[in-house]
Amino acid sequence: MSQSALTWILGFAILGSVGAIGGAALFLMFPKSVRERLVPFLVSYATGTLLGASLLGLLPHAIEQGGLLPSLSSVLAGLIIFFVLERFLIWRHCHREGSCEVHGTAGQLILVGDALHNFVDGAVIVAAVQCHNSGLFGGKFSLHRTRRPRSWSSSADRG
């Protein structure tokens, strides 16, 4: 990897981190009533962007290269696995006011999941740069289109 590519990667990584921290800090400055109204919209935006990118952007290429049945089977398996993980690890529906002992570990799970997610993001960015330098900005932008609203809503849940 060239020094120039490494500089771009580190620059965008730092910019993304500062942007995430700044966005979350700005979001947490809003009154709690505003945050509670915005969180469903942010989660819906992030979910729609992820589903749109995967189903409309990536799935046609997967079907073309791997075939219809293996590609759709992988999608279905992924949806089921993540539904089960979400259902049994972090089920967010609680009727109690204040803190809930069942959901007390959600912060640690989110932290570990975010760390793993950021590591994979970094690997994707490096792969995009290695394949084609112009993929750096587009890849990083598309990652942050989905990542920031989800991070902001996660920080609102904890704050």
Protein backbone atom coordinates (compact mmCIF):
# COMPACT_ATOMS: atom_id res chain seq x y z
CA MET A 1 0.00 0.00 0.00
CA SER A 2 1.37 3.41 -0.90
CA GLN A 3 1.97 6.13 1.65
CA SER A 4 -0.59 8.33 -0.13
CA ALA A 5 -3.32 5.70 0.16
CA LEU A 6 -2.52 5.17 3.84
CA THR A 7 -2.75 8.92 4.42
CA TRP A 8 -6.18 9.04 2.74
CA ILE A 9 -7.41 6.05 4.73
CA LEU A 10 -6.25 7.47 8.06
CA GLY A 11 -7.59 10.91 7.16
CA PHE A 12 -11.04 9.59 6.37
CA ALA A 13 -11.00 7.33 9.45
CA ILE A 14 -10.21 10.31 11.68
CA LEU A 15 -12.75 12.48 9.88
CA GLY A 16 -15.40 9.79 10.32
CA SER A 17 -14.62 9.37 14.01
CA VAL A 18 -14.72 13.10 14.67
CA GLY A 19 -17.94 13.36 12.68
CA ALA A 20 -19.53 10.52 14.65
CA ILE A 21 -18.54 12.00 18.00
CA GLY A 22 -19.62 15.48 16.94
CA GLY A 23 -22.95 14.24 15.57
CA ALA A 24 -23.67 12.22 18.69
CA ALA A 25 -22.71 15.14 20.94
CA LEU A 26 -24.90 17.50 18.94
CA PHE A 27 -27.77 15.03 19.01
CA LEU A 28 -27.46 14.63 22.79
CA MET A 29 -27.73 18.41 23.21
CA PHE A 30 -31.34 18.28 22.02
CA PRO A 31 -33.98 17.98 24.74
CA LYS A 32 -34.98 14.42 25.56
CA SER A 33 -38.44 14.89 24.04
CA VAL A 34 -36.91 15.90 20.68
CA ARG A 35 -34.44 12.98 20.77
CA GLU A 36 -37.25 10.53 21.50
CA ARG A 37 -39.20 11.85 18.50
CA LEU A 38 -36.15 11.74 16.18
CA VAL A 39 -34.83 8.28 17.07
CA PRO A 40 -37.49 6.32 15.14
CA PHE A 41 -36.82 8.43 12.04
CA LEU A 42 -33.04 7.95 12.32
CA VAL A 43 -33.40 4.21 12.80
CA SER A 44 -35.82 4.01 9.86
CA TYR A 45 -33.41 6.00 7.68
CA ALA A 46 -30.45 3.78 8.56
CA THR A 47 -32.50 0.61 8.07
CA GLY A 48 -33.87 1.77 4.73
CA THR A 49 -30.43 2.75 3.49
CA LEU A 50 -28.92 -0.58 4.50
CA LEU A 51 -31.77 -2.57 2.95
CA GLY A 52 -31.69 -0.47 -0.19
CA ALA A 53 -27.94 -0.85 -0.60
CA SER A 54 -28.01 -4.58 0.03
CA LEU A 55 -31.16 -5.61 -1.79
CA LEU A 56 -31.07 -3.17 -4.68
CA GLY A 57 -27.32 -2.75 -5.06
CA LEU A 58 -25.59 -5.93 -3.97
CA LEU A 59 -28.16 -8.69 -4.40
CA PRO A 60 -28.39 -8.44 -8.21
CA HIS A 61 -24.59 -8.86 -8.45
CA ALA A 62 -24.67 -11.81 -6.06
CA ILE A 63 -27.41 -13.50 -8.09
CA GLU A 64 -25.47 -12.88 -11.29
CA GLN A 65 -22.26 -14.38 -9.90
CA GLY A 66 -23.53 -17.05 -7.53
CA GLY A 67 -26.95 -18.02 -8.77
CA LEU A 68 -30.46 -17.34 -7.58
CA LEU A 69 -30.98 -20.03 -4.94
CA PRO A 70 -27.62 -19.67 -3.10
CA SER A 71 -27.91 -15.87 -3.05
CA LEU A 72 -31.48 -15.74 -1.76
CA SER A 73 -30.76 -18.55 0.72
CA SER A 74 -27.87 -16.50 2.12
CA VAL A 75 -30.10 -13.45 2.48
CA LEU A 76 -32.80 -15.45 4.24
CA ALA A 77 -30.24 -17.13 6.55
CA GLY A 78 -28.74 -13.73 7.41
CA LEU A 79 -32.14 -12.23 8.21
CA ILE A 80 -33.06 -15.19 10.43
CA ILE A 81 -29.71 -15.26 12.24
CA PHE A 82 -29.78 -11.55 13.00
CA PHE A 83 -33.42 -11.66 14.05
CA VAL A 84 -32.59 -14.43 16.52
CA LEU A 85 -29.53 -12.54 17.79
CA GLU A 86 -31.53 -9.37 18.28
CA ARG A 87 -34.42 -11.23 19.85
CA PHE A 88 -32.35 -13.08 22.43
CA LEU A 89 -29.48 -10.66 23.10
CA ILE A 90 -31.04 -7.20 22.99
CA TRP A 91 -34.81 -7.11 23.03
CA ARG A 92 -35.62 -3.42 23.51
CA HIS A 93 -39.28 -3.59 24.44
CA CYS A 94 -39.62 -2.80 28.13
CA HIS A 95 -42.60 -1.42 30.05
CA ARG A 96 -40.66 -0.23 33.07
CA GLU A 97 -39.67 3.35 33.72
CA GLY A 98 -36.01 3.90 34.48
CA SER A 99 -33.42 1.15 34.16
CA CYS A 100 -34.21 -2.47 33.47
CA GLU A 101 -32.02 -5.29 34.79
CA VAL A 102 -32.63 -7.37 31.66
CA HIS A 103 -31.30 -4.65 29.35
CA GLY A 104 -28.42 -3.54 31.57
CA THR A 105 -25.82 -5.28 29.38
CA ALA A 106 -27.04 -3.72 26.12
CA GLY A 107 -24.38 -0.99 26.33
CA GLN A 108 -21.52 -3.49 26.42
CA LEU A 109 -23.02 -5.51 23.55
CA ILE A 110 -23.45 -2.37 21.46
CA LEU A 111 -19.88 -1.32 22.22
CA VAL A 112 -18.44 -4.69 21.15
CA GLY A 113 -20.68 -4.77 18.08
CA ASP A 114 -19.66 -1.23 17.09
CA ALA A 115 -15.97 -2.10 17.50
CA LEU A 116 -16.35 -5.16 15.27
CA HIS A 117 -18.41 -3.16 12.79
CA ASN A 118 -15.79 -0.40 12.63
CA PHE A 119 -13.02 -2.97 12.09
CA VAL A 120 -14.92 -4.47 9.15
CA ASP A 121 -15.60 -0.94 7.80
CA GLY A 122 -11.87 -0.29 7.87
CA ALA A 123 -11.15 -3.52 6.03
CA VAL A 124 -13.74 -2.62 3.37
CA ILE A 125 -12.22 0.83 2.92
CA VAL A 126 -8.73 -0.61 2.54
CA ALA A 127 -10.03 -3.15 0.01
CA ALA A 128 -11.79 -0.37 -1.93
CA VAL A 129 -8.61 1.70 -2.01
CA GLN A 130 -6.53 -1.30 -3.09
CA CYS A 131 -8.95 -2.04 -5.94
CA HIS A 132 -9.50 1.52 -7.09
CA ASN A 133 -8.57 4.83 -5.49
CA SER A 134 -11.82 6.54 -6.49
CA GLY A 135 -13.72 3.97 -4.41
CA LEU A 136 -12.36 5.54 -1.23
CA PHE A 137 -14.66 8.54 -1.05
CA GLY A 138 -17.77 6.81 -2.39
CA GLY A 139 -17.32 3.77 -0.16
CA LYS A 140 -16.66 5.84 2.93
CA PHE A 141 -19.62 8.12 2.21
CA SER A 142 -22.02 5.21 1.74
CA LEU A 143 -20.79 3.63 4.99
CA HIS A 144 -21.41 6.85 6.89
CA ARG A 145 -24.85 7.39 5.35
CA THR A 146 -25.99 4.33 7.29
CA ARG A 147 -23.59 4.44 10.21
CA ARG A 148 -24.18 7.93 11.62
CA PRO A 149 -27.96 7.79 12.16
CA ARG A 150 -27.59 4.38 13.80
CA SER A 151 -24.80 5.65 16.08
CA TRP A 152 -26.78 8.73 17.01
CA SER A 153 -29.84 6.70 17.88
CA SER A 154 -27.72 4.27 19.93
CA SER A 155 -26.21 7.15 21.91
CA ALA A 156 -29.71 8.55 22.50
CA ASP A 157 -30.82 5.18 23.88
CA ARG A 158 -27.88 5.20 26.32
CA GLY A 159 -28.02 8.94 27.18
